[in-house]
Amino acid sequence: MAKRPEGDVLRVLGMFGGALWLSEIEDEVRSMNSSLNEETTGDVRKAVNNLAREGIVTVERRERSDLSGKTIKDHLVRLCEWREVVVILARDEKFRKYNALRSSLYKAYG
């Protein structure tokens, strides 16, 4: 995939079962790129809006709770075709590298 934030958004959504809060997507994209020694480029929020316009994700404004029980307004982002996207991502080198890294960490600390 090209070095556009849309690709990174799809990667983290694919990694986490197809749905995340927008604030989590932003954090996970930064974390993924940092773990792989890559720079995060572009605007993740704009990337999500682009993907929504293309019908690849849906975005729903909702409330969620934080760890203290406080209510926060956020956007729930869902892949429309999670399984299809994961099949495509399975051939993506960056996705595979990050997935392998996460798996090795889980095994080391699991």
PDB file of N, CA and C in Angstrom:
ATOM      1  N   MET A   1       0.843  -1.191   0.000  1.00  0.00           N
ATOM      2  CA  MET A   1       0.000   0.000   0.000  1.00  0.00           C
ATOM      3  C   MET A   1       0.882   1.246   0.000  1.00  0.00           C
ATOM      4  N   ALA A   2       0.363   2.292  -0.561  1.00  0.00           N
ATOM      5  CA  ALA A   2       1.109   3.551  -0.642  1.00  0.00           C
ATOM      6  C   ALA A   2       1.270   4.165   0.739  1.00  0.00           C
ATOM      7  N   LYS A   3       2.225   5.101   0.848  1.00  0.00           N
ATOM      8  CA  LYS A   3       2.466   5.777   2.130  1.00  0.00           C
ATOM      9  C   LYS A   3       1.456   6.892   2.316  1.00  0.00           C
ATOM     10  N   ARG A   4       0.206   6.532   2.405  1.00  0.00           N
ATOM     11  CA  ARG A   4      -0.866   7.470   2.690  1.00  0.00           C
ATOM     12  C   ARG A   4      -1.502   7.034   4.002  1.00  0.00           C
ATOM     13  N   PRO A   5      -2.058   7.965   4.728  1.00  0.00           N
ATOM     14  CA  PRO A   5      -2.650   7.564   6.013  1.00  0.00           C
ATOM     15  C   PRO A   5      -3.837   6.620   5.857  1.00  0.00           C
ATOM     16  N   GLU A   6      -4.506   6.630   4.713  1.00  0.00           N
ATOM     17  CA  GLU A   6      -5.622   5.705   4.506  1.00  0.00           C
ATOM     18  C   GLU A   6      -5.166   4.260   4.650  1.00  0.00           C
ATOM     19  N   GLY A   7      -3.988   3.945   4.111  1.00  0.00           N
ATOM     20  CA  GLY A   7      -3.457   2.585   4.238  1.00  0.00           C
ATOM     21  C   GLY A   7      -3.207   2.206   5.686  1.00  0.00           C
ATOM     22  N   ASP A   8      -2.656   3.128   6.448  1.00  0.00           N
ATOM     23  CA  ASP A   8      -2.406   2.852   7.865  1.00  0.00           C
ATOM     24  C   ASP A   8      -3.710   2.684   8.642  1.00  0.00           C
ATOM     25  N   VAL A   9      -4.716   3.475   8.308  1.00  0.00           N
ATOM     26  CA  VAL A   9      -6.023   3.332   8.966  1.00  0.00           C
ATOM     27  C   VAL A   9      -6.581   1.944   8.681  1.00  0.00           C
ATOM     28  N   LEU A  10      -6.511   1.505   7.430  1.00  0.00           N
ATOM     29  CA  LEU A  10      -7.003   0.166   7.090  1.00  0.00           C
ATOM     30  C   LEU A  10      -6.212  -0.917   7.809  1.00  0.00           C
ATOM     31  N   ARG A  11      -4.908  -0.712   7.932  1.00  0.00           N
ATOM     32  CA  ARG A  11      -4.078  -1.701   8.628  1.00  0.00           C
ATOM     33  C   ARG A  11      -4.501  -1.859  10.087  1.00  0.00           C
ATOM     34  N   VAL A  12      -4.665  -0.759  10.809  1.00  0.00           N
ATOM     35  CA  VAL A  12      -5.013  -0.890  12.233  1.00  0.00           C
ATOM     36  C   VAL A  12      -6.446  -1.387  12.399  1.00  0.00           C
ATOM     37  N   LEU A  13      -7.355  -0.972  11.535  1.00  0.00           N
ATOM     38  CA  LEU A  13      -8.711  -1.515  11.619  1.00  0.00           C
ATOM     39  C   LEU A  13      -8.701  -3.016  11.343  1.00  0.00           C
ATOM     40  N   GLY A  14      -7.929  -3.445  10.371  1.00  0.00           N
ATOM     41  CA  GLY A  14      -7.820  -4.872  10.082  1.00  0.00           C
ATOM     42  C   GLY A  14      -7.219  -5.642  11.238  1.00  0.00           C
ATOM     43  N   MET A  15      -6.249  -5.047  11.892  1.00  0.00           N
ATOM     44  CA  MET A  15      -5.555  -5.678  13.017  1.00  0.00           C
ATOM     45  C   MET A  15      -6.483  -5.844  14.227  1.00  0.00           C
ATOM     46  N   PHE A  16      -7.414  -4.932  14.390  1.00  0.00           N
ATOM     47  CA  PHE A  16      -8.247  -4.920  15.598  1.00  0.00           C
ATOM     48  C   PHE A  16      -9.699  -5.308  15.324  1.00  0.00           C
ATOM     49  N   GLY A  17      -9.923  -6.202  14.385  1.00  0.00           N
ATOM     50  CA  GLY A  17     -11.252  -6.765  14.192  1.00  0.00           C
ATOM     51  C   GLY A  17     -12.220  -5.904  13.410  1.00  0.00           C
ATOM     52  N   GLY A  18     -11.746  -4.823  12.814  1.00  0.00           N
ATOM     53  CA  GLY A  18     -12.594  -4.041  11.923  1.00  0.00           C
ATOM     54  C   GLY A  18     -13.300  -2.856  12.534  1.00  0.00           C
ATOM     55  N   ALA A  19     -13.134  -2.600  13.829  1.00  0.00           N
ATOM     56  CA  ALA A  19     -13.802  -1.455  14.451  1.00  0.00           C
ATOM     57  C   ALA A  19     -12.945  -0.886  15.582  1.00  0.00           C
ATOM     58  N   LEU A  20     -12.803   0.426  15.571  1.00  0.00           N
ATOM     59  CA  LEU A  20     -12.098   1.144  16.635  1.00  0.00           C
ATOM     60  C   LEU A  20     -12.689   2.541  16.747  1.00  0.00           C
ATOM     61  N   TRP A  21     -12.489   3.145  17.892  1.00  0.00           N
ATOM     62  CA  TRP A  21     -12.826   4.554  18.067  1.00  0.00           C
ATOM     63  C   TRP A  21     -11.792   5.389  17.310  1.00  0.00           C
ATOM     64  N   LEU A  22     -12.213   6.521  16.782  1.00  0.00           N
ATOM     65  CA  LEU A  22     -11.313   7.374  16.025  1.00  0.00           C
ATOM     66  C   LEU A  22     -10.074   7.739  16.836  1.00  0.00           C
ATOM     67  N   SER A  23     -10.259   8.068  18.110  1.00  0.00           N
ATOM     68  CA  SER A  23      -9.112   8.407  18.961  1.00  0.00           C
ATOM     69  C   SER A  23      -8.145   7.227  19.083  1.00  0.00           C
ATOM     70  N   GLU A  24      -8.667   6.010  19.093  1.00  0.00           N
ATOM     71  CA  GLU A  24      -7.811   4.822  19.154  1.00  0.00           C
ATOM     72  C   GLU A  24      -7.071   4.617  17.838  1.00  0.00           C
ATOM     73  N   ILE A  25      -7.739   4.892  16.729  1.00  0.00           N
ATOM     74  CA  ILE A  25      -7.090   4.749  15.422  1.00  0.00           C
ATOM     75  C   ILE A  25      -5.886   5.667  15.349  1.00  0.00           C
ATOM     76  N   GLU A  26      -6.051   6.908  15.774  1.00  0.00           N
ATOM     77  CA  GLU A  26      -4.938   7.859  15.748  1.00  0.00           C
ATOM     78  C   GLU A  26      -3.764   7.332  16.581  1.00  0.00           C
ATOM     79  N   ASP A  27      -4.059   6.839  17.783  1.00  0.00           N
ATOM     80  CA  ASP A  27      -3.003   6.308  18.657  1.00  0.00           C
ATOM     81  C   ASP A  27      -2.349   5.067  18.056  1.00  0.00           C
ATOM     82  N   GLU A  28      -3.152   4.174  17.506  1.00  0.00           N
ATOM     83  CA  GLU A  28      -2.616   2.920  16.956  1.00  0.00           C
ATOM     84  C   GLU A  28      -1.780   3.151  15.709  1.00  0.00           C
ATOM     85  N   VAL A  29      -2.172   4.116  14.875  1.00  0.00           N
ATOM     86  CA  VAL A  29      -1.361   4.428  13.691  1.00  0.00           C
ATOM     87  C   VAL A  29       0.013   4.938  14.123  1.00  0.00           C
ATOM     88  N   ARG A  30       0.022   5.843  15.107  1.00  0.00           N
ATOM     89  CA  ARG A  30       1.309   6.339  15.615  1.00  0.00           C
ATOM     90  C   ARG A  30       2.134   5.209  16.221  1.00  0.00           C
ATOM     91  N   SER A  31       1.490   4.353  16.998  1.00  0.00           N
ATOM     92  CA  SER A  31       2.176   3.239  17.646  1.00  0.00           C
ATOM     93  C   SER A  31       2.745   2.263  16.612  1.00  0.00           C
ATOM     94  N   MET A  32       1.953   1.930  15.614  1.00  0.00           N
ATOM     95  CA  MET A  32       2.414   1.017  14.569  1.00  0.00           C
ATOM     96  C   MET A  32       3.644   1.587  13.868  1.00  0.00           C
ATOM     97  N   ASN A  33       3.544   2.836  13.447  1.00  0.00           N
ATOM     98  CA  ASN A  33       4.661   3.431  12.719  1.00  0.00           C
ATOM     99  C   ASN A  33       5.893   3.580  13.597  1.00  0.00           C
ATOM    100  N   SER A  34       5.701   3.945  14.843  1.00  0.00           N
ATOM    101  CA  SER A  34       6.823   4.056  15.767  1.00  0.00           C
ATOM    102  C   SER A  34       7.494   2.693  15.968  1.00  0.00           C
ATOM    103  N   SER A  35       6.700   1.655  16.142  1.00  0.00           N
ATOM    104  CA  SER A  35       7.228   0.300  16.343  1.00  0.00           C
ATOM    105  C   SER A  35       8.022  -0.185  15.141  1.00  0.00           C
ATOM    106  N   LEU A  36       7.636   0.282  13.954  1.00  0.00           N
ATOM    107  CA  LEU A  36       8.305  -0.133  12.721  1.00  0.00           C
ATOM    108  C   LEU A  36       9.361   0.876  12.266  1.00  0.00           C
ATOM    109  N   ASN A  37       9.659   1.854  13.143  1.00  0.00           N
ATOM    110  CA  ASN A  37      10.629   2.906  12.824  1.00  0.00           C
ATOM    111  C   ASN A  37      10.279   3.661  11.550  1.00  0.00           C
ATOM    112  N   GLU A  38       8.994   3.961  11.403  1.00  0.00           N
ATOM    113  CA  GLU A  38       8.515   4.732  10.265  1.00  0.00           C
ATOM    114  C   GLU A  38       7.860   6.002  10.761  1.00  0.00           C
ATOM    115  N   GLU A  39       7.824   6.983   9.895  1.00  0.00           N
ATOM    116  CA  GLU A  39       7.191   8.250  10.225  1.00  0.00           C
ATOM    117  C   GLU A  39       5.699   8.176   9.900  1.00  0.00           C
ATOM    118  N   THR A  40       4.872   8.729  10.778  1.00  0.00           N
ATOM    119  CA  THR A  40       3.446   8.836  10.495  1.00  0.00           C
ATOM    120  C   THR A  40       3.241  10.059   9.616  1.00  0.00           C
ATOM    121  N   THR A  41       2.622   9.843   8.462  1.00  0.00           N
ATOM    122  CA  THR A  41       2.409  10.937   7.520  1.00  0.00           C
ATOM    123  C   THR A  41       0.920  11.186   7.327  1.00  0.00           C
ATOM    124  N   GLY A  42       0.574  12.441   7.063  1.00  0.00           N
ATOM    125  CA  GLY A  42      -0.807  12.786   6.742  1.00  0.00           C
ATOM    126  C   GLY A  42      -1.696  12.905   7.959  1.00  0.00           C
ATOM    127  N   ASP A  43      -2.933  13.238   7.692  1.00  0.00           N
ATOM    128  CA  ASP A  43      -3.951  13.477   8.707  1.00  0.00           C
ATOM    129  C   ASP A  43      -4.871  12.269   8.796  1.00  0.00           C
ATOM    130  N   VAL A  44      -4.830  11.578   9.923  1.00  0.00           N
ATOM    131  CA  VAL A  44      -5.615  10.361  10.102  1.00  0.00           C
ATOM    132  C   VAL A  44      -7.119  10.655  10.027  1.00  0.00           C
ATOM    133  N   ARG A  45      -7.561  11.752  10.606  1.00  0.00           N
ATOM    134  CA  ARG A  45      -8.988  12.094  10.553  1.00  0.00           C
ATOM    135  C   ARG A  45      -9.465  12.312   9.118  1.00  0.00           C
ATOM    136  N   LYS A  46      -8.660  13.002   8.328  1.00  0.00           N
ATOM    137  CA  LYS A  46      -9.011  13.200   6.916  1.00  0.00           C
ATOM    138  C   LYS A  46      -9.025  11.864   6.180  1.00  0.00           C
ATOM    139  N   ALA A  47      -8.078  11.005   6.519  1.00  0.00           N
ATOM    140  CA  ALA A  47      -8.023   9.686   5.898  1.00  0.00           C
ATOM    141  C   ALA A  47      -9.297   8.889   6.188  1.00  0.00           C
ATOM    142  N   VAL A  48      -9.765   8.944   7.442  1.00  0.00           N
ATOM    143  CA  VAL A  48     -11.004   8.248   7.798  1.00  0.00           C
ATOM    144  C   VAL A  48     -12.170   8.829   7.005  1.00  0.00           C
ATOM    145  N   ASN A  49     -12.232  10.147   6.882  1.00  0.00           N
ATOM    146  CA  ASN A  49     -13.306  10.776   6.098  1.00  0.00           C
ATOM    147  C   ASN A  49     -13.239  10.354   4.631  1.00  0.00           C
ATOM    148  N   ASN A  50     -12.032  10.281   4.076  1.00  0.00           N
ATOM    149  CA  ASN A  50     -11.880   9.824   2.689  1.00  0.00           C
ATOM    150  C   ASN A  50     -12.385   8.390   2.527  1.00  0.00           C
ATOM    151  N   LEU A  51     -12.021   7.517   3.464  1.00  0.00           N
ATOM    152  CA  LEU A  51     -12.467   6.127   3.410  1.00  0.00           C
ATOM    153  C   LEU A  51     -13.982   6.023   3.561  1.00  0.00           C
ATOM    154  N   ALA A  52     -14.566   6.890   4.377  1.00  0.00           N
ATOM    155  CA  ALA A  52     -16.024   6.894   4.545  1.00  0.00           C
ATOM    156  C   ALA A  52     -16.702   7.343   3.251  1.00  0.00           C
ATOM    157  N   ARG A  53     -16.167   8.367   2.611  1.00  0.00           N
ATOM    158  CA  ARG A  53     -16.730   8.843   1.338  1.00  0.00           C
ATOM    159  C   ARG A  53     -16.674   7.757   0.267  1.00  0.00           C
ATOM    160  N   GLU A  54     -15.625   6.940   0.312  1.00  0.00           N
ATOM    161  CA  GLU A  54     -15.462   5.859  -0.660  1.00  0.00           C
ATOM    162  C   GLU A  54     -16.286   4.614  -0.303  1.00  0.00           C
ATOM    163  N   GLY A  55     -16.951   4.632   0.853  1.00  0.00           N
ATOM    164  CA  GLY A  55     -17.781   3.504   1.263  1.00  0.00           C
ATOM    165  C   GLY A  55     -16.995   2.340   1.841  1.00  0.00           C
ATOM    166  N   ILE A  56     -15.766   2.591   2.234  1.00  0.00           N
ATOM    167  CA  ILE A  56     -14.915   1.527   2.780  1.00  0.00           C
ATOM    168  C   ILE A  56     -15.119   1.378   4.285  1.00  0.00           C
ATOM    169  N   VAL A  57     -15.411   2.490   4.962  1.00  0.00           N
ATOM    170  CA  VAL A  57     -15.712   2.470   6.393  1.00  0.00           C
ATOM    171  C   VAL A  57     -17.001   3.238   6.646  1.00  0.00           C
ATOM    172  N   THR A  58     -17.597   2.964   7.802  1.00  0.00           N
ATOM    173  CA  THR A  58     -18.692   3.796   8.294  1.00  0.00           C
ATOM    174  C   THR A  58     -18.188   4.521   9.534  1.00  0.00           C
ATOM    175  N   VAL A  59     -18.725   5.703   9.764  1.00  0.00           N
ATOM    176  CA  VAL A  59     -18.335   6.505  10.926  1.00  0.00           C
ATOM    177  C   VAL A  59     -19.617   6.920  11.636  1.00  0.00           C
ATOM    178  N   GLU A  60     -19.670   6.622  12.914  1.00  0.00           N
ATOM    179  CA  GLU A  60     -20.865   6.934  13.705  1.00  0.00           C
ATOM    180  C   GLU A  60     -20.451   7.698  14.967  1.00  0.00           C
ATOM    181  N   ARG A  61     -21.021   8.886  15.158  1.00  0.00           N
ATOM    182  CA  ARG A  61     -20.734   9.660  16.371  1.00  0.00           C
ATOM    183  C   ARG A  61     -21.463   9.006  17.533  1.00  0.00           C
ATOM    184  N   ARG A  62     -20.694   8.659  18.585  1.00  0.00           N
ATOM    185  CA  ARG A  62     -21.265   7.971  19.738  1.00  0.00           C
ATOM    186  C   ARG A  62     -20.561   8.431  20.997  1.00  0.00           C
ATOM    187  N   GLU A  63     -21.109   8.024  22.108  1.00  0.00           N
ATOM    188  CA  GLU A  63     -20.475   8.269  23.400  1.00  0.00           C
ATOM    189  C   GLU A  63     -19.873   6.969  23.891  1.00  0.00           C
ATOM    190  N   ARG A  64     -18.721   7.109  24.554  1.00  0.00           N
ATOM    191  CA  ARG A  64     -18.073   5.958  25.175  1.00  0.00           C
ATOM    192  C   ARG A  64     -17.592   6.391  26.542  1.00  0.00           C
ATOM    193  N   SER A  65     -17.189   5.441  27.331  1.00  0.00           N
ATOM    194  CA  SER A  65     -16.665   5.747  28.663  1.00  0.00           C
ATOM    195  C   SER A  65     -15.163   5.570  28.676  1.00  0.00           C
ATOM    196  N   ASP A  66     -14.493   6.386  29.494  1.00  0.00           N
ATOM    197  CA  ASP A  66     -13.068   6.167  29.694  1.00  0.00           C
ATOM    198  C   ASP A  66     -12.903   5.309  30.950  1.00  0.00           C
ATOM    199  N   LEU A  67     -11.678   5.067  31.351  1.00  0.00           N
ATOM    200  CA  LEU A  67     -11.434   4.187  32.494  1.00  0.00           C
ATOM    201  C   LEU A  67     -11.983   4.732  33.802  1.00  0.00           C
ATOM    202  N   SER A  68     -12.163   6.043  33.896  1.00  0.00           N
ATOM    203  CA  SER A  68     -12.708   6.620  35.124  1.00  0.00           C
ATOM    204  C   SER A  68     -14.236   6.607  35.134  1.00  0.00           C
ATOM    205  N   GLY A  69     -14.859   6.180  34.020  1.00  0.00           N
ATOM    206  CA  GLY A  69     -16.313   6.170  33.929  1.00  0.00           C
ATOM    207  C   GLY A  69     -16.879   7.435  33.318  1.00  0.00           C
ATOM    208  N   LYS A  70     -16.024   8.377  32.985  1.00  0.00           N
ATOM    209  CA  LYS A  70     -16.454   9.628  32.372  1.00  0.00           C
ATOM    210  C   LYS A  70     -16.896   9.373  30.933  1.00  0.00           C
ATOM    211  N   THR A  71     -17.969  10.037  30.496  1.00  0.00           N
ATOM    212  CA  THR A  71     -18.479   9.888  29.142  1.00  0.00           C
ATOM    213  C   THR A  71     -17.722  10.813  28.192  1.00  0.00           C
ATOM    214  N   ILE A  72     -17.315  10.243  27.053  1.00  0.00           N
ATOM    215  CA  ILE A  72     -16.556  10.980  26.047  1.00  0.00           C
ATOM    216  C   ILE A  72     -17.262  10.835  24.706  1.00  0.00           C
ATOM    217  N   LYS A  73     -17.382  11.932  23.962  1.00  0.00           N
ATOM    218  CA  LYS A  73     -17.928  11.861  22.609  1.00  0.00           C
ATOM    219  C   LYS A  73     -16.800  11.508  21.659  1.00  0.00           C
ATOM    220  N   ASP A  74     -17.029  10.517  20.821  1.00  0.00           N
ATOM    221  CA  ASP A  74     -16.012  10.030  19.899  1.00  0.00           C
ATOM    222  C   ASP A  74     -16.731   9.538  18.645  1.00  0.00           C
ATOM    223  N   HIS A  75     -15.993   9.000  17.713  1.00  0.00           N
ATOM    224  CA  HIS A  75     -16.550   8.443  16.485  1.00  0.00           C
ATOM    225  C   HIS A  75     -16.139   6.979  16.387  1.00  0.00           C
ATOM    226  N   LEU A  76     -17.131   6.104  16.241  1.00  0.00           N
ATOM    227  CA  LEU A  76     -16.856   4.686  16.056  1.00  0.00           C
ATOM    228  C   LEU A  76     -16.672   4.442  14.560  1.00  0.00           C
ATOM    229  N   VAL A  77     -15.512   3.910  14.196  1.00  0.00           N
ATOM    230  CA  VAL A  77     -15.183   3.662  12.787  1.00  0.00           C
ATOM    231  C   VAL A  77     -15.185   2.156  12.566  1.00  0.00           C
ATOM    232  N   ARG A  78     -15.931   1.720  11.533  1.00  0.00           N
ATOM    233  CA  ARG A  78     -16.029   0.288  11.229  1.00  0.00           C
ATOM    234  C   ARG A  78     -15.733   0.046   9.756  1.00  0.00           C
ATOM    235  N   LEU A  79     -14.970  -1.004   9.498  1.00  0.00           N
ATOM    236  CA  LEU A  79     -14.765  -1.445   8.124  1.00  0.00           C
ATOM    237  C   LEU A  79     -16.059  -2.052   7.606  1.00  0.00           C
ATOM    238  N   CYS A  80     -16.439  -1.726   6.399  1.00  0.00           N
ATOM    239  CA  CYS A  80     -17.656  -2.295   5.821  1.00  0.00           C
ATOM    240  C   CYS A  80     -17.476  -3.769   5.464  1.00  0.00           C
ATOM    241  N   GLU A  81     -16.304  -4.138   4.991  1.00  0.00           N
ATOM    242  CA  GLU A  81     -16.022  -5.522   4.579  1.00  0.00           C
ATOM    243  C   GLU A  81     -14.722  -5.994   5.230  1.00  0.00           C
ATOM    244  N   TRP A  82     -14.765  -6.220   6.531  1.00  0.00           N
ATOM    245  CA  TRP A  82     -13.565  -6.559   7.288  1.00  0.00           C
ATOM    246  C   TRP A  82     -12.825  -7.768   6.712  1.00  0.00           C
ATOM    247  N   ARG A  83     -13.534  -8.835   6.448  1.00  0.00           N
ATOM    248  CA  ARG A  83     -12.876 -10.055   5.973  1.00  0.00           C
ATOM    249  C   ARG A  83     -12.164  -9.827   4.641  1.00  0.00           C
ATOM    250  N   GLU A  84     -12.805  -9.114   3.739  1.00  0.00           N
ATOM    251  CA  GLU A  84     -12.184  -8.835   2.439  1.00  0.00           C
ATOM    252  C   GLU A  84     -10.925  -7.987   2.612  1.00  0.00           C
ATOM    253  N   VAL A  85     -10.983  -7.003   3.491  1.00  0.00           N
ATOM    254  CA  VAL A  85      -9.828  -6.143   3.721  1.00  0.00           C
ATOM    255  C   VAL A  85      -8.688  -6.940   4.329  1.00  0.00           C
ATOM    256  N   VAL A  86      -8.972  -7.822   5.263  1.00  0.00           N
ATOM    257  CA  VAL A  86      -7.923  -8.621   5.902  1.00  0.00           C
ATOM    258  C   VAL A  86      -7.272  -9.561   4.895  1.00  0.00           C
ATOM    259  N   VAL A  87      -8.039 -10.105   3.970  1.00  0.00           N
ATOM    260  CA  VAL A  87      -7.460 -10.959   2.929  1.00  0.00           C
ATOM    261  C   VAL A  87      -6.461 -10.158   2.100  1.00  0.00           C
ATOM    262  N   ILE A  88      -6.806  -8.939   1.758  1.00  0.00           N
ATOM    263  CA  ILE A  88      -5.898  -8.070   1.002  1.00  0.00           C
ATOM    264  C   ILE A  88      -4.691  -7.705   1.848  1.00  0.00           C
ATOM    265  N   LEU A  89      -4.923  -7.351   3.119  1.00  0.00           N
ATOM    266  CA  LEU A  89      -3.823  -6.958   4.005  1.00  0.00           C
ATOM    267  C   LEU A  89      -2.848  -8.104   4.265  1.00  0.00           C
ATOM    268  N   ALA A  90      -3.311  -9.323   4.152  1.00  0.00           N
ATOM    269  CA  ALA A  90      -2.430 -10.474   4.377  1.00  0.00           C
ATOM    270  C   ALA A  90      -1.245 -10.466   3.421  1.00  0.00           C
ATOM    271  N   ARG A  91      -1.372  -9.763   2.300  1.00  0.00           N
ATOM    272  CA  ARG A  91      -0.268  -9.650   1.331  1.00  0.00           C
ATOM    273  C   ARG A  91       0.528  -8.358   1.517  1.00  0.00           C
ATOM    274  N   ASP A  92       0.121  -7.540   2.476  1.00  0.00           N
ATOM    275  CA  ASP A  92       0.762  -6.243   2.699  1.00  0.00           C
ATOM    276  C   ASP A  92       1.942  -6.410   3.665  1.00  0.00           C
ATOM    277  N   GLU A  93       3.127  -6.024   3.212  1.00  0.00           N
ATOM    278  CA  GLU A  93       4.343  -6.232   4.017  1.00  0.00           C
ATOM    279  C   GLU A  93       4.289  -5.509   5.362  1.00  0.00           C
ATOM    280  N   LYS A  94       3.840  -4.272   5.374  1.00  0.00           N
ATOM    281  CA  LYS A  94       3.792  -3.491   6.619  1.00  0.00           C
ATOM    282  C   LYS A  94       2.823  -4.135   7.619  1.00  0.00           C
ATOM    283  N   PHE A  95       1.679  -4.563   7.151  1.00  0.00           N
ATOM    284  CA  PHE A  95       0.692  -5.231   8.003  1.00  0.00           C
ATOM    285  C   PHE A  95       1.288  -6.506   8.593  1.00  0.00           C
ATOM    286  N   ARG A  96       1.945  -7.296   7.756  1.00  0.00           N
ATOM    287  CA  ARG A  96       2.538  -8.554   8.222  1.00  0.00           C
ATOM    288  C   ARG A  96       3.636  -8.307   9.248  1.00  0.00           C
ATOM    289  N   LYS A  97       4.478  -7.303   9.003  1.00  0.00           N
ATOM    290  CA  LYS A  97       5.557  -6.981   9.956  1.00  0.00           C
ATOM    291  C   LYS A  97       4.986  -6.579  11.312  1.00  0.00           C
ATOM    292  N   TYR A  98       3.992  -5.704  11.298  1.00  0.00           N
ATOM    293  CA  TYR A  98       3.425  -5.234  12.562  1.00  0.00           C
ATOM    294  C   TYR A  98       2.692  -6.360  13.277  1.00  0.00           C
ATOM    295  N   ASN A  99       1.991  -7.175  12.541  1.00  0.00           N
ATOM    296  CA  ASN A  99       1.290  -8.310  13.137  1.00  0.00           C
ATOM    297  C   ASN A  99       2.282  -9.273  13.783  1.00  0.00           C
ATOM    298  N   ALA A 100       3.394  -9.535  13.101  1.00  0.00           N
ATOM    299  CA  ALA A 100       4.429 -10.425  13.660  1.00  0.00           C
ATOM    300  C   ALA A 100       5.041  -9.824  14.921  1.00  0.00           C
ATOM    301  N   LEU A 101       5.295  -8.526  14.895  1.00  0.00           N
ATOM    302  CA  LEU A 101       5.855  -7.848  16.068  1.00  0.00           C
ATOM    303  C   LEU A 101       4.897  -7.938  17.258  1.00  0.00           C
ATOM    304  N   ARG A 102       3.634  -7.645  17.028  1.00  0.00           N
ATOM    305  CA  ARG A 102       2.638  -7.723  18.108  1.00  0.00           C
ATOM    306  C   ARG A 102       2.528  -9.150  18.645  1.00  0.00           C
ATOM    307  N   SER A 103       2.521 -10.122  17.751  1.00  0.00           N
ATOM    308  CA  SER A 103       2.420 -11.525  18.177  1.00  0.00           C
ATOM    309  C   SER A 103       3.611 -11.926  19.036  1.00  0.00           C
ATOM    310  N   SER A 104       4.812 -11.480  18.641  1.00  0.00           N
ATOM    311  CA  SER A 104       5.995 -11.833  19.426  1.00  0.00           C
ATOM    312  C   SER A 104       5.949 -11.197  20.810  1.00  0.00           C
ATOM    313  N   LEU A 105       5.421  -9.997  20.901  1.00  0.00           N
ATOM    314  CA  LEU A 105       5.285  -9.342  22.212  1.00  0.00           C
ATOM    315  C   LEU A 105       4.272 -10.068  23.086  1.00  0.00           C
ATOM    316  N   TYR A 106       3.155 -10.477  22.494  1.00  0.00           N
ATOM    317  CA  TYR A 106       2.149 -11.207  23.260  1.00  0.00           C
ATOM    318  C   TYR A 106       2.725 -12.526  23.781  1.00  0.00           C
ATOM    319  N   LYS A 107       3.502 -13.202  22.948  1.00  0.00           N
ATOM    320  CA  LYS A 107       4.102 -14.466  23.372  1.00  0.00           C
ATOM    321  C   LYS A 107       5.128 -14.249  24.479  1.00  0.00           C
ATOM    322  N   ALA A 108       5.884 -13.166  24.377  1.00  0.00           N
ATOM    323  CA  ALA A 108       6.920 -12.881  25.373  1.00  0.00           C
ATOM    324  C   ALA A 108       6.321 -12.522  26.729  1.00  0.00           C
ATOM    325  N   TYR A 109       5.178 -11.836  26.705  1.00  0.00           N
ATOM    326  CA  TYR A 109       4.574 -11.365  27.969  1.00  0.00           C
ATOM    327  C   TYR A 109       3.289 -12.076  28.327  1.00  0.00           C
ATOM    328  N   GLY A 110       2.861 -13.008  27.475  1.00  0.00           N
ATOM    329  CA  GLY A 110       1.588 -13.688  27.679  1.00  0.00           C
ATOM    330  C   GLY A 110       1.678 -14.786  28.637  1.00  0.00           C
TER     331      GLY A 110
END
